[in-house]
C-alpha atoms as a PDB file:
ATOM      1  CA  UNK A   1     -33.543 -10.266   1.871  1.00  0.00           C
ATOM      2  CA  UNK A   2     -33.377  -6.755   1.808  1.00  0.00           C
ATOM      3  CA  UNK A   3     -35.491  -4.548   3.722  1.00  0.00           C
ATOM      4  CA  UNK A   4     -38.155  -4.151   1.195  1.00  0.00           C
ATOM      5  CA  UNK A   5     -37.897  -7.977   1.397  1.00  0.00           C
ATOM      6  CA  UNK A   6     -37.113  -8.774  -1.637  1.00  0.00           C
ATOM      7  CA  UNK A   7     -34.393 -11.737  -1.884  1.00  0.00           C
ATOM      8  CA  UNK A   8     -31.296 -10.411  -3.143  1.00  0.00           C
ATOM      9  CA  UNK A   9     -28.553 -12.197  -5.999  1.00  0.00           C
ATOM     10  CA  UNK A  10     -24.826 -12.076  -5.295  1.00  0.00           C
ATOM     11  CA  UNK A  11     -23.236 -11.549  -8.193  1.00  0.00           C
ATOM     12  CA  UNK A  12     -19.662 -12.437  -8.561  1.00  0.00           C
ATOM     13  CA  UNK A  13     -17.073 -10.311 -10.947  1.00  0.00           C
ATOM     14  CA  UNK A  14     -13.365 -11.099 -12.271  1.00  0.00           C
ATOM     15  CA  UNK A  15     -11.485  -8.425 -12.782  1.00  0.00           C
ATOM     16  CA  UNK A  16      -8.353  -8.974 -14.188  1.00  0.00           C
ATOM     17  CA  UNK A  17      -5.441  -6.737 -14.508  1.00  0.00           C
ATOM     18  CA  UNK A  18      -1.893  -5.584 -14.143  1.00  0.00           C
ATOM     19  CA  UNK A  19      -1.910  -2.584 -12.305  1.00  0.00           C
ATOM     20  CA  UNK A  20      -2.147  -3.861  -8.115  1.00  0.00           C
ATOM     21  CA  UNK A  21      -3.375   0.116  -7.378  1.00  0.00           C
ATOM     22  CA  UNK A  22      -6.399  -0.297 -10.109  1.00  0.00           C
ATOM     23  CA  UNK A  23      -7.592  -3.202  -8.958  1.00  0.00           C
ATOM     24  CA  UNK A  24      -7.581  -2.614  -5.253  1.00  0.00           C
ATOM     25  CA  UNK A  25      -9.627   0.779  -6.106  1.00  0.00           C
ATOM     26  CA  UNK A  26     -11.994  -1.400  -8.264  1.00  0.00           C
ATOM     27  CA  UNK A  27     -12.419  -3.865  -5.896  1.00  0.00           C
ATOM     28  CA  UNK A  28     -12.849  -2.506  -2.698  1.00  0.00           C
ATOM     29  CA  UNK A  29     -15.885   0.093  -5.013  1.00  0.00           C
ATOM     30  CA  UNK A  30     -17.070  -2.413  -6.715  1.00  0.00           C
ATOM     31  CA  UNK A  31     -17.963  -4.515  -3.095  1.00  0.00           C
ATOM     32  CA  UNK A  32     -19.157  -1.118  -1.268  1.00  0.00           C
ATOM     33  CA  UNK A  33     -20.881  -1.938  -4.014  1.00  0.00           C
ATOM     34  CA  UNK A  34     -22.408  -5.920  -2.559  1.00  0.00           C
ATOM     35  CA  UNK A  35     -20.492  -7.581  -5.155  1.00  0.00           C
ATOM     36  CA  UNK A  36     -18.114  -9.780  -4.572  1.00  0.00           C
ATOM     37  CA  UNK A  37     -15.172  -8.919  -6.179  1.00  0.00           C
ATOM     38  CA  UNK A  38     -12.491 -12.239  -7.125  1.00  0.00           C
ATOM     39  CA  UNK A  39      -9.519  -9.915  -8.789  1.00  0.00           C
ATOM     40  CA  UNK A  40      -6.061 -11.717 -10.912  1.00  0.00           C
ATOM     41  CA  UNK A  41      -3.042  -9.502 -12.351  1.00  0.00           C
ATOM     42  CA  UNK A  42      -3.037 -11.709 -15.471  1.00  0.00           C
ATOM     43  CA  UNK A  43      -5.094 -13.174 -18.314  1.00  0.00           C
ATOM     44  CA  UNK A  44      -3.438 -16.674 -17.504  1.00  0.00           C
ATOM     45  CA  UNK A  45      -4.803 -16.083 -13.800  1.00  0.00           C
ATOM     46  CA  UNK A  46      -8.111 -15.497 -14.642  1.00  0.00           C
ATOM     47  CA  UNK A  47      -8.142 -18.059 -17.041  1.00  0.00           C
ATOM     48  CA  UNK A  48      -7.544 -20.705 -14.853  1.00  0.00           C
ATOM     49  CA  UNK A  49      -8.931 -19.949 -11.763  1.00  0.00           C
ATOM     50  CA  UNK A  50     -12.638 -20.279 -14.849  1.00  0.00           C
ATOM     51  CA  UNK A  51     -11.133 -23.766 -15.513  1.00  0.00           C
ATOM     52  CA  UNK A  52     -11.667 -25.087 -11.726  1.00  0.00           C
ATOM     53  CA  UNK A  53     -15.806 -23.762 -11.816  1.00  0.00           C
ATOM     54  CA  UNK A  54     -15.703 -22.710  -8.047  1.00  0.00           C
ATOM     55  CA  UNK A  55     -17.164 -19.950  -8.598  1.00  0.00           C
ATOM     56  CA  UNK A  56     -19.791 -19.072 -11.340  1.00  0.00           C
ATOM     57  CA  UNK A  57     -19.420 -15.336 -12.533  1.00  0.00           C
ATOM     58  CA  UNK A  58     -22.042 -13.167 -13.664  1.00  0.00           C
ATOM     59  CA  UNK A  59     -19.203 -11.102 -15.491  1.00  0.00           C
ATOM     60  CA  UNK A  60     -15.258 -10.064 -16.192  1.00  0.00           C
ATOM     61  CA  UNK A  61     -13.984  -6.523 -16.987  1.00  0.00           C
ATOM     62  CA  UNK A  62     -10.956  -7.416 -18.288  1.00  0.00           C
ATOM     63  CA  UNK A  63      -8.365  -4.543 -18.505  1.00  0.00           C
ATOM     64  CA  UNK A  64      -6.587  -4.051 -22.075  1.00  0.00           C
ATOM     65  CA  UNK A  65      -3.361  -4.252 -22.813  1.00  0.00           C
ATOM     66  CA  UNK A  66      -1.069  -6.802 -19.945  1.00  0.00           C
ATOM     67  CA  UNK A  67       2.131  -9.019 -20.641  1.00  0.00           C
ATOM     68  CA  UNK A  68       0.728 -12.062 -21.106  1.00  0.00           C
ATOM     69  CA  UNK A  69      -2.060 -12.477 -22.416  1.00  0.00           C
ATOM     70  CA  UNK A  70      -4.402  -8.977 -24.876  1.00  0.00           C
ATOM     71  CA  UNK A  71      -7.296  -8.452 -23.176  1.00  0.00           C
ATOM     72  CA  UNK A  72      -9.040  -9.257 -26.240  1.00  0.00           C
ATOM     73  CA  UNK A  73      -7.445 -12.802 -25.960  1.00  0.00           C
ATOM     74  CA  UNK A  74      -7.582 -13.363 -22.504  1.00  0.00           C
ATOM     75  CA  UNK A  75     -11.872 -12.482 -22.578  1.00  0.00           C
ATOM     76  CA  UNK A  76     -11.716 -15.254 -25.934  1.00  0.00           C
ATOM     77  CA  UNK A  77     -10.866 -17.498 -23.449  1.00  0.00           C
ATOM     78  CA  UNK A  78     -12.618 -17.229 -21.096  1.00  0.00           C
ATOM     79  CA  UNK A  79     -15.872 -17.743 -23.186  1.00  0.00           C
ATOM     80  CA  UNK A  80     -14.519 -20.265 -24.604  1.00  0.00           C
ATOM     81  CA  UNK A  81     -14.705 -22.431 -21.086  1.00  0.00           C
END
């Protein structure tokens, strides 16, 4: 519960980006805002994480240009799962 007595919903964010500095700074920012963030460095890692079905994600932030699977293809595969 928050200080106002309203229950806060935990939102989980999947962050997929091959730039380690960006992942670190964006993760820190989002966590400071109260989100749980799981950051991975590739589309393949993000897809594998979703397949495990351990954490339900409310949102996926995906880099457009990555060396393994490009952002649009990663998003398409995440939506299928």
